[in-house]
Amino acid sequence: MTARNALIEAPPYPVENALKRLGANLRTARLRRNLTIEEVAAKIGTGPRAVSNAEHGKPSTSAAVYVALLWAYDLQSPVGYLADPVRDEEGFARTRLRKRARVSLRNGLDSDF
């Protein structure tokens, strides 16, 4: 018996909710373009089941399928901004704190009088 991935079996609620929202948005985009699941699957080079799973927000669907669907609908440009280091305010704050801690530890007490 193989161990199951907890993220796929029971993802944290915010993750599950985000995937379901993304899936619903992808379905809406497909329908607005009057495309079938089969047509989109052929365009991105996968099977219809993968497209359907993405539209249902299934956590087991690969990120590649989600991003390919965004590409197919010409909606991928915002993906380039996900986790952008320039917009990572928390990361900047933590880096500043870490640098301050290092500076204060390195400088310590000066014994040169």
Protein backbone atom coordinates (compact mmCIF):
# COMPACT_ATOMS: atom_id res chain seq x y z
CA MET A 1 0.00 0.00 0.00
CA THR A 2 1.42 3.39 -0.97
CA ALA A 3 1.21 6.47 1.19
CA ARG A 4 -1.17 9.12 -0.12
CA ASN A 5 -0.25 12.76 -0.44
CA ALA A 6 -2.09 14.70 2.28
CA LEU A 7 -2.14 17.82 0.12
CA ILE A 8 -4.10 15.97 -2.55
CA GLU A 9 -6.35 14.05 -0.15
CA ALA A 10 -7.21 16.93 2.19
CA PRO A 11 -5.66 20.25 1.16
CA PRO A 12 -5.88 23.23 3.51
CA TYR A 13 -9.20 25.00 3.03
CA PRO A 14 -7.69 28.16 1.44
CA VAL A 15 -5.85 25.98 -1.11
CA GLU A 16 -8.94 23.92 -1.89
CA ASN A 17 -11.06 27.06 -2.19
CA ALA A 18 -8.54 28.77 -4.51
CA LEU A 19 -8.39 25.72 -6.79
CA LYS A 20 -12.18 25.48 -6.98
CA ARG A 21 -12.42 29.19 -7.81
CA LEU A 22 -9.70 28.86 -10.46
CA GLY A 23 -11.43 25.82 -11.93
CA ALA A 24 -14.77 27.62 -12.12
CA ASN A 25 -13.07 30.61 -13.75
CA LEU A 26 -11.40 28.35 -16.30
CA ARG A 27 -14.73 26.72 -17.13
CA THR A 28 -16.33 30.14 -17.60
CA ALA A 29 -13.47 31.20 -19.88
CA ARG A 30 -13.89 28.05 -21.98
CA LEU A 31 -17.64 28.47 -22.29
CA ARG A 32 -17.32 32.16 -23.21
CA ARG A 33 -15.02 31.12 -26.04
CA ASN A 34 -17.56 28.51 -27.13
CA LEU A 35 -14.99 25.70 -26.87
CA THR A 36 -15.58 22.10 -25.90
CA ILE A 37 -13.46 20.28 -23.35
CA GLU A 38 -12.17 18.10 -26.18
CA GLU A 39 -11.09 21.12 -28.26
CA VAL A 40 -9.22 22.68 -25.36
CA ALA A 41 -7.62 19.36 -24.43
CA ALA A 42 -6.33 18.99 -27.99
CA LYS A 43 -4.99 22.55 -27.98
CA ILE A 44 -2.96 22.05 -24.80
CA GLY A 45 -1.95 18.48 -25.62
CA THR A 46 -3.73 16.57 -22.88
CA GLY A 47 -6.84 14.49 -22.47
CA PRO A 48 -10.36 15.74 -21.74
CA ARG A 49 -10.23 14.29 -18.22
CA ALA A 50 -7.35 16.60 -17.25
CA VAL A 51 -9.32 19.63 -18.46
CA SER A 52 -12.42 18.47 -16.60
CA ASN A 53 -10.40 17.84 -13.43
CA ALA A 54 -8.92 21.33 -13.63
CA GLU A 55 -12.36 22.86 -14.10
CA HIS A 56 -13.46 21.04 -10.95
CA GLY A 57 -10.43 22.36 -9.06
CA LYS A 58 -9.01 18.94 -8.28
CA PRO A 59 -5.74 19.22 -6.33
CA SER A 60 -4.27 16.23 -8.16
CA THR A 61 -4.34 18.12 -11.47
CA SER A 62 -0.86 19.30 -12.40
CA ALA A 63 0.08 22.96 -12.34
CA ALA A 64 1.07 22.54 -15.99
CA VAL A 65 -2.56 21.82 -16.93
CA TYR A 66 -3.82 24.89 -15.07
CA VAL A 67 -1.19 27.15 -16.66
CA ALA A 68 -1.74 25.62 -20.11
CA LEU A 69 -5.46 26.32 -19.82
CA LEU A 70 -4.72 29.92 -18.89
CA TRP A 71 -2.48 30.09 -21.97
CA ALA A 72 -5.18 28.56 -24.17
CA TYR A 73 -7.57 31.33 -23.11
CA ASP A 74 -4.87 34.04 -23.34
CA LEU A 75 -5.12 34.65 -19.59
CA GLN A 76 -1.62 33.55 -18.56
CA SER A 77 0.00 37.00 -18.17
CA PRO A 78 -0.95 37.37 -14.47
CA VAL A 79 0.75 34.03 -13.76
CA GLY A 80 4.11 35.71 -14.35
CA TYR A 81 3.44 37.90 -11.33
CA LEU A 82 2.69 35.06 -8.93
CA ALA A 83 5.34 34.92 -6.21
CA ASP A 84 7.18 37.82 -7.87
CA PRO A 85 10.10 38.70 -5.56
CA VAL A 86 9.56 42.39 -6.30
CA ARG A 87 6.06 42.19 -4.78
CA ASP A 88 7.03 39.96 -1.83
CA GLU A 89 6.55 42.41 1.03
CA GLU A 90 6.86 39.77 3.74
CA GLY A 91 10.05 38.44 2.16
CA PHE A 92 11.51 41.96 2.07
CA ALA A 93 10.59 42.50 5.72
CA ARG A 94 12.16 39.22 6.79
CA THR A 95 15.32 39.98 4.80
CA ARG A 96 15.64 43.39 6.46
CA LEU A 97 15.21 41.83 9.89
CA ARG A 98 17.77 39.16 9.13
CA LYS A 99 20.27 41.71 7.85
CA ARG A 100 19.82 43.83 10.96
CA ALA A 101 20.36 40.81 13.18
CA ARG A 102 23.54 39.92 11.34
CA VAL A 103 24.85 43.45 11.47
CA SER A 104 24.22 43.76 15.19
CA LEU A 105 25.83 40.36 15.85
CA ARG A 106 28.89 41.11 13.74
CA ASN A 107 29.43 44.58 15.13
CA GLY A 108 28.94 43.51 18.75
CA LEU A 109 30.99 45.43 21.29
CA ASP A 110 34.00 47.28 20.02
CA SER A 111 37.08 46.65 22.18
CA ASP A 112 39.13 49.28 20.34
CA PHE A 113 39.29 52.22 22.80
